[in-house]
C-alpha cells in the first residue's frame, strides 16, 4: 500500500516538475522527468517525493565531493542503467522509472545514460 502511494506521488510530482521547467538541454529534460521528483530540480535531494523516503534521496550535487573530489561516473552510470540497484530506485524488475526498459538492466535503450551521467557531472558542487 505504501509503495503504491509513493509511486502515485512520484508520478504526480514528475508531471508537475516537467511542466514547470523549461530545460536548456535534453539531458536536463531527462533528469527532470526521471530524477527530480525525488532528487529535486537542482539535484539536492529535496524533490516533492523526498519526504516519503527514509533515508532521504541522495544530494546528487555532492557525488564528487563525497568521492574525494572525483565524480564517480561509472558508478552513476551503473545506477542509471540499473546494473546496481538501490532500494529507493525499486528493483531491476520494477524500477521507479516505470517501464522504460525491455528487460532489467536495459534502461539505456530509452534513457541516454551517458548524457544523464554527464548532466549529473555538470551539477557537482566544488
N, C-alpha and C. Protein backbone atom coordinates (compact mmCIF):
# COMPACT_ATOMS: atom_id res chain seq x y z
N UNK A 1 0.83 -1.19 0.00
CA UNK A 1 0.00 0.00 0.00
C UNK A 1 0.87 1.25 0.00
N UNK A 2 1.88 1.29 0.90
CA UNK A 2 2.75 2.46 0.98
C UNK A 2 3.53 2.62 -0.33
N UNK A 3 3.98 1.51 -0.91
CA UNK A 3 4.74 1.57 -2.17
C UNK A 3 3.86 2.13 -3.28
N UNK A 4 2.60 1.75 -3.33
CA UNK A 4 1.68 2.27 -4.34
C UNK A 4 1.50 3.77 -4.17
N UNK A 5 1.34 4.21 -2.93
CA UNK A 5 1.18 5.65 -2.66
C UNK A 5 2.43 6.42 -3.08
N UNK A 6 3.60 5.85 -2.84
CA UNK A 6 4.84 6.51 -3.24
C UNK A 6 4.92 6.60 -4.76
N UNK A 7 4.55 5.53 -5.45
CA UNK A 7 4.60 5.55 -6.92
C UNK A 7 3.64 6.57 -7.50
N UNK A 8 2.45 6.71 -6.91
CA UNK A 8 1.49 7.72 -7.36
C UNK A 8 2.06 9.11 -7.11
N UNK A 9 2.65 9.33 -5.93
CA UNK A 9 3.25 10.62 -5.60
C UNK A 9 4.38 10.93 -6.58
N UNK A 10 5.20 9.94 -6.90
CA UNK A 10 6.29 10.15 -7.86
C UNK A 10 5.74 10.57 -9.22
N UNK A 11 4.71 9.90 -9.69
CA UNK A 11 4.14 10.21 -11.00
C UNK A 11 3.58 11.64 -11.03
N UNK A 12 2.86 12.02 -10.01
CA UNK A 12 2.30 13.36 -9.94
C UNK A 12 3.38 14.42 -9.83
N UNK A 13 4.40 14.14 -9.01
CA UNK A 13 5.50 15.09 -8.82
C UNK A 13 6.27 15.26 -10.11
N UNK A 14 6.54 14.17 -10.80
CA UNK A 14 7.29 14.23 -12.05
C UNK A 14 6.55 15.07 -13.08
N UNK A 15 5.26 14.86 -13.21
CA UNK A 15 4.46 15.63 -14.17
C UNK A 15 4.49 17.12 -13.83
N UNK A 16 4.38 17.44 -12.54
CA UNK A 16 4.37 18.84 -12.11
C UNK A 16 5.72 19.50 -12.39
N UNK A 17 6.82 18.81 -12.07
CA UNK A 17 8.15 19.36 -12.29
C UNK A 17 8.41 19.54 -13.78
N UNK A 18 8.11 18.53 -14.58
CA UNK A 18 8.36 18.59 -16.03
C UNK A 18 7.57 19.73 -16.67
N UNK A 19 6.35 19.95 -16.22
CA UNK A 19 5.52 21.02 -16.79
C UNK A 19 6.03 22.40 -16.41
N UNK A 20 6.64 22.54 -15.24
CA UNK A 20 7.07 23.84 -14.73
C UNK A 20 8.44 24.26 -15.26
N UNK A 21 9.24 23.33 -15.71
CA UNK A 21 10.61 23.61 -16.12
C UNK A 21 10.74 23.73 -17.63
N UNK A 22 11.61 24.58 -18.06
CA UNK A 22 11.97 24.69 -19.46
C UNK A 22 13.46 24.35 -19.54
N UNK A 23 13.80 23.07 -19.70
CA UNK A 23 15.19 22.67 -19.68
C UNK A 23 16.00 23.24 -20.84
N UNK A 24 17.27 23.55 -20.54
CA UNK A 24 18.17 24.10 -21.55
C UNK A 24 18.74 23.01 -22.45
N UNK A 25 18.86 21.79 -21.94
CA UNK A 25 19.48 20.69 -22.67
C UNK A 25 18.63 19.43 -22.53
N UNK A 26 18.68 18.54 -23.53
CA UNK A 26 17.91 17.29 -23.45
C UNK A 26 18.26 16.46 -22.21
N UNK A 27 19.51 16.46 -21.80
CA UNK A 27 19.88 15.69 -20.61
C UNK A 27 19.23 16.27 -19.36
N UNK A 28 19.06 17.58 -19.31
CA UNK A 28 18.37 18.19 -18.17
C UNK A 28 16.90 17.80 -18.20
N UNK A 29 16.33 17.73 -19.39
CA UNK A 29 14.93 17.30 -19.51
C UNK A 29 14.76 15.87 -18.99
N UNK A 30 15.71 14.99 -19.34
CA UNK A 30 15.66 13.61 -18.84
C UNK A 30 15.75 13.60 -17.32
N UNK A 31 16.67 14.40 -16.79
CA UNK A 31 16.83 14.48 -15.34
C UNK A 31 15.51 14.92 -14.70
N UNK A 32 14.92 15.98 -15.21
CA UNK A 32 13.67 16.49 -14.63
C UNK A 32 12.56 15.45 -14.71
N UNK A 33 12.51 14.69 -15.78
CA UNK A 33 11.47 13.69 -15.96
C UNK A 33 11.65 12.48 -15.04
N UNK A 34 12.87 11.97 -14.94
CA UNK A 34 13.09 10.70 -14.25
C UNK A 34 13.67 10.80 -12.84
N UNK A 35 14.26 11.93 -12.50
CA UNK A 35 15.02 12.01 -11.24
C UNK A 35 14.54 13.08 -10.27
N UNK A 36 14.02 14.18 -10.80
CA UNK A 36 13.73 15.36 -9.98
C UNK A 36 12.63 15.17 -8.95
N UNK A 37 11.70 14.25 -9.18
CA UNK A 37 10.63 14.08 -8.20
C UNK A 37 11.19 13.68 -6.84
N UNK A 38 12.29 12.96 -6.83
CA UNK A 38 12.93 12.58 -5.56
C UNK A 38 14.14 13.46 -5.25
N UNK A 39 15.01 13.63 -6.26
CA UNK A 39 16.28 14.33 -6.02
C UNK A 39 16.17 15.84 -6.13
N UNK A 40 15.03 16.36 -6.54
CA UNK A 40 14.83 17.81 -6.63
C UNK A 40 15.30 18.37 -7.96
N UNK A 41 14.73 19.48 -8.36
CA UNK A 41 15.06 20.05 -9.67
C UNK A 41 16.52 20.48 -9.76
N UNK A 42 17.14 20.76 -8.62
CA UNK A 42 18.55 21.15 -8.62
C UNK A 42 19.47 20.02 -8.16
N UNK A 43 18.90 18.83 -7.91
CA UNK A 43 19.71 17.67 -7.53
C UNK A 43 20.09 17.59 -6.07
N UNK A 44 19.48 18.41 -5.22
CA UNK A 44 19.86 18.49 -3.81
C UNK A 44 19.20 17.44 -2.92
N UNK A 45 18.37 16.57 -3.49
CA UNK A 45 17.71 15.54 -2.69
C UNK A 45 16.43 16.04 -2.03
N UNK A 46 15.88 17.13 -2.55
CA UNK A 46 14.73 17.76 -1.91
C UNK A 46 13.51 17.84 -2.83
N UNK A 47 13.32 16.82 -3.66
CA UNK A 47 12.18 16.80 -4.56
C UNK A 47 10.87 16.64 -3.80
N UNK A 48 9.75 16.84 -4.47
CA UNK A 48 8.44 16.75 -3.83
C UNK A 48 8.15 15.39 -3.19
N UNK A 49 8.74 14.33 -3.70
CA UNK A 49 8.51 12.99 -3.13
C UNK A 49 9.53 12.62 -2.06
N UNK A 50 10.52 13.46 -1.82
CA UNK A 50 11.62 13.14 -0.90
C UNK A 50 11.14 12.83 0.52
N UNK A 51 10.09 13.49 0.95
CA UNK A 51 9.59 13.29 2.32
C UNK A 51 9.11 11.86 2.56
N UNK A 52 8.80 11.13 1.51
CA UNK A 52 8.29 9.77 1.66
C UNK A 52 9.41 8.75 1.87
N UNK A 53 10.67 9.19 1.79
CA UNK A 53 11.79 8.26 1.87
C UNK A 53 12.62 8.43 3.12
N UNK A 54 13.02 7.29 3.68
CA UNK A 54 13.98 7.25 4.78
C UNK A 54 14.98 6.16 4.42
N UNK A 55 16.23 6.49 4.23
CA UNK A 55 16.82 7.83 4.29
C UNK A 55 16.39 8.68 3.09
N UNK A 56 16.65 9.96 3.22
CA UNK A 56 16.28 10.91 2.18
C UNK A 56 17.06 10.63 0.90
N UNK A 57 16.55 11.04 -0.25
CA UNK A 57 17.29 10.86 -1.51
C UNK A 57 18.65 11.55 -1.46
N UNK A 58 19.58 10.98 -2.19
CA UNK A 58 20.94 11.50 -2.25
C UNK A 58 20.98 12.90 -2.85
N UNK A 59 21.83 13.75 -2.28
CA UNK A 59 22.12 15.05 -2.88
C UNK A 59 23.08 14.77 -4.03
N UNK A 60 22.58 14.80 -5.24
CA UNK A 60 23.38 14.43 -6.41
C UNK A 60 24.43 15.47 -6.76
N UNK A 61 24.36 16.65 -6.15
CA UNK A 61 25.37 17.69 -6.41
C UNK A 61 26.63 17.45 -5.59
N UNK A 62 26.57 16.50 -4.68
CA UNK A 62 27.71 16.23 -3.79
C UNK A 62 28.42 14.91 -4.10
N UNK A 63 28.12 14.29 -5.22
CA UNK A 63 28.70 12.99 -5.55
C UNK A 63 30.22 13.06 -5.66
N UNK A 64 30.74 14.06 -6.34
CA UNK A 64 32.20 14.20 -6.48
C UNK A 64 32.84 14.51 -5.14
N UNK A 65 32.25 15.44 -4.42
CA UNK A 65 32.82 15.84 -3.12
C UNK A 65 32.88 14.64 -2.17
N UNK A 66 31.84 13.81 -2.16
CA UNK A 66 31.84 12.66 -1.25
C UNK A 66 32.67 11.50 -1.79
N UNK A 67 33.26 11.68 -2.97
CA UNK A 67 34.12 10.66 -3.57
C UNK A 67 35.54 11.21 -3.76
N UNK A 68 36.00 11.98 -2.79
CA UNK A 68 37.36 12.51 -2.83
C UNK A 68 37.62 13.51 -3.94
N UNK A 69 36.57 14.20 -4.39
CA UNK A 69 36.73 15.20 -5.43
C UNK A 69 36.61 14.66 -6.85
N UNK A 70 36.46 13.37 -6.99
CA UNK A 70 36.37 12.73 -8.30
C UNK A 70 34.93 12.28 -8.54
N UNK A 71 34.33 12.74 -9.63
CA UNK A 71 32.96 12.32 -9.96
C UNK A 71 32.97 10.84 -10.32
N UNK A 72 32.16 10.01 -9.63
CA UNK A 72 32.15 8.56 -9.88
C UNK A 72 31.27 8.18 -11.07
N UNK A 73 31.71 8.54 -12.27
CA UNK A 73 30.90 8.38 -13.48
C UNK A 73 30.46 6.95 -13.72
N UNK A 74 31.34 5.99 -13.54
CA UNK A 74 30.97 4.59 -13.79
C UNK A 74 29.91 4.11 -12.81
N UNK A 75 30.05 4.49 -11.56
CA UNK A 75 29.07 4.10 -10.53
C UNK A 75 27.71 4.75 -10.82
N UNK A 76 27.74 6.02 -11.20
CA UNK A 76 26.50 6.74 -11.52
C UNK A 76 25.82 6.12 -12.73
N UNK A 77 26.60 5.85 -13.78
CA UNK A 77 26.03 5.25 -15.00
C UNK A 77 25.45 3.87 -14.70
N UNK A 78 26.13 3.08 -13.86
CA UNK A 78 25.63 1.75 -13.50
C UNK A 78 24.30 1.85 -12.75
N UNK A 79 24.17 2.86 -11.91
CA UNK A 79 22.92 3.06 -11.16
C UNK A 79 21.79 3.47 -12.11
N UNK A 80 22.08 4.36 -13.03
CA UNK A 80 21.07 4.79 -14.00
C UNK A 80 20.67 3.62 -14.89
N UNK A 81 21.64 2.86 -15.32
CA UNK A 81 21.41 1.73 -16.23
C UNK A 81 20.64 0.61 -15.54
N UNK A 82 20.69 0.57 -14.21
CA UNK A 82 20.01 -0.50 -13.49
C UNK A 82 20.91 -1.68 -13.21
N UNK A 83 22.21 -1.51 -13.43
CA UNK A 83 23.15 -2.60 -13.18
C UNK A 83 23.41 -2.75 -11.69
N UNK A 84 23.30 -1.66 -10.95
CA UNK A 84 23.35 -1.70 -9.49
C UNK A 84 22.05 -1.09 -9.02
N UNK A 85 21.47 -1.66 -8.01
CA UNK A 85 20.19 -1.15 -7.55
C UNK A 85 20.30 -0.63 -6.12
N UNK A 86 19.51 0.33 -5.85
CA UNK A 86 19.40 0.94 -4.56
C UNK A 86 17.92 0.80 -4.19
N UNK A 87 17.63 0.51 -2.94
CA UNK A 87 16.24 0.25 -2.53
C UNK A 87 15.27 1.33 -2.98
N UNK A 88 15.70 2.57 -2.91
CA UNK A 88 14.81 3.67 -3.28
C UNK A 88 14.48 3.69 -4.77
N UNK A 89 15.34 3.09 -5.60
CA UNK A 89 15.09 3.04 -7.03
C UNK A 89 14.22 1.86 -7.42
N UNK A 90 13.81 1.05 -6.46
CA UNK A 90 12.99 -0.12 -6.73
C UNK A 90 13.87 -1.31 -7.09
N UNK A 91 13.28 -2.30 -7.68
CA UNK A 91 14.03 -3.48 -8.10
C UNK A 91 14.32 -3.37 -9.60
N UNK A 92 15.21 -4.21 -10.09
CA UNK A 92 15.51 -4.21 -11.52
C UNK A 92 14.27 -4.58 -12.32
N UNK A 93 13.43 -5.43 -11.74
CA UNK A 93 12.21 -5.85 -12.43
C UNK A 93 11.16 -4.75 -12.46
N UNK A 94 11.14 -3.89 -11.44
CA UNK A 94 10.14 -2.81 -11.37
C UNK A 94 10.79 -1.55 -10.81
N UNK A 95 11.62 -0.88 -11.61
CA UNK A 95 12.28 0.33 -11.14
C UNK A 95 11.28 1.48 -11.03
N UNK A 96 11.63 2.51 -10.25
CA UNK A 96 10.75 3.66 -10.12
C UNK A 96 10.60 4.40 -11.44
N UNK A 97 11.47 4.14 -12.40
CA UNK A 97 11.36 4.77 -13.70
C UNK A 97 10.22 4.18 -14.52
N UNK A 98 9.59 3.14 -14.02
CA UNK A 98 8.50 2.51 -14.73
C UNK A 98 8.99 1.60 -15.84
N UNK A 99 8.23 1.50 -16.89
CA UNK A 99 8.57 0.56 -17.95
C UNK A 99 9.41 1.22 -19.03
N UNK A 100 10.58 1.69 -18.64
CA UNK A 100 11.48 2.34 -19.58
C UNK A 100 12.30 1.33 -20.35
N UNK A 101 12.36 0.10 -19.89
CA UNK A 101 13.23 -0.88 -20.50
C UNK A 101 12.47 -2.08 -21.02
N UNK A 102 13.13 -2.75 -21.91
CA UNK A 102 12.59 -4.01 -22.41
C UNK A 102 12.87 -5.14 -21.42
N UNK A 103 13.95 -4.99 -20.66
CA UNK A 103 14.34 -6.01 -19.68
C UNK A 103 15.21 -5.34 -18.63
N UNK A 104 15.35 -5.96 -17.45
CA UNK A 104 16.18 -5.36 -16.41
C UNK A 104 17.59 -5.08 -16.93
N UNK A 105 18.13 -3.93 -16.50
CA UNK A 105 19.48 -3.57 -16.90
C UNK A 105 19.55 -2.95 -18.29
N UNK A 106 18.41 -2.58 -18.88
CA UNK A 106 18.45 -2.03 -20.23
C UNK A 106 17.82 -0.65 -20.32
N UNK A 107 17.87 0.13 -19.23
CA UNK A 107 17.29 1.47 -19.24
C UNK A 107 17.88 2.33 -20.33
N UNK A 108 19.13 2.06 -20.69
CA UNK A 108 19.81 2.86 -21.69
C UNK A 108 19.12 2.86 -23.03
N UNK A 109 18.23 1.91 -23.30
CA UNK A 109 17.52 1.89 -24.57
C UNK A 109 16.58 3.08 -24.68
N UNK A 110 16.08 3.57 -23.57
CA UNK A 110 15.19 4.73 -23.58
C UNK A 110 15.91 5.97 -23.08
N UNK A 111 16.68 5.81 -22.02
CA UNK A 111 17.41 6.94 -21.46
C UNK A 111 18.81 6.96 -22.03
N UNK A 112 19.32 8.11 -22.32
CA UNK A 112 20.70 8.24 -22.76
C UNK A 112 21.54 8.32 -21.49
N UNK A 113 22.05 7.17 -21.07
CA UNK A 113 22.77 7.05 -19.81
C UNK A 113 23.98 7.98 -19.78
N UNK A 114 24.74 8.04 -20.86
CA UNK A 114 25.93 8.89 -20.89
C UNK A 114 25.56 10.36 -20.73
N UNK A 115 24.52 10.80 -21.43
CA UNK A 115 24.11 12.21 -21.33
C UNK A 115 23.62 12.55 -19.93
N UNK A 116 22.84 11.65 -19.34
CA UNK A 116 22.34 11.90 -17.99
C UNK A 116 23.49 11.90 -16.99
N UNK A 117 24.44 10.99 -17.15
CA UNK A 117 25.62 10.95 -16.28
C UNK A 117 26.40 12.26 -16.42
N UNK A 118 26.58 12.72 -17.64
CA UNK A 118 27.31 13.98 -17.85
C UNK A 118 26.55 15.17 -17.29
N UNK A 119 25.23 15.14 -17.37
CA UNK A 119 24.45 16.21 -16.74
C UNK A 119 24.70 16.24 -15.24
N UNK A 120 24.68 15.06 -14.62
CA UNK A 120 24.94 14.99 -13.18
C UNK A 120 26.36 15.48 -12.87
N UNK A 121 27.31 15.18 -13.73
CA UNK A 121 28.68 15.68 -13.54
C UNK A 121 28.66 17.21 -13.57
N UNK A 122 27.83 17.79 -14.44
CA UNK A 122 27.80 19.25 -14.61
C UNK A 122 27.20 19.99 -13.41
N UNK A 123 26.45 19.31 -12.55
CA UNK A 123 25.82 20.00 -11.41
C UNK A 123 26.58 19.78 -10.10
N UNK A 124 27.78 19.24 -10.18
CA UNK A 124 28.57 18.99 -8.97
C UNK A 124 29.02 20.28 -8.32
N UNK A 125 28.94 20.31 -6.99
CA UNK A 125 29.46 21.44 -6.24
C UNK A 125 30.94 21.22 -5.99
N UNK A 126 31.66 22.26 -6.02
CA UNK A 126 33.13 22.17 -5.81
C UNK A 126 33.46 22.10 -4.36
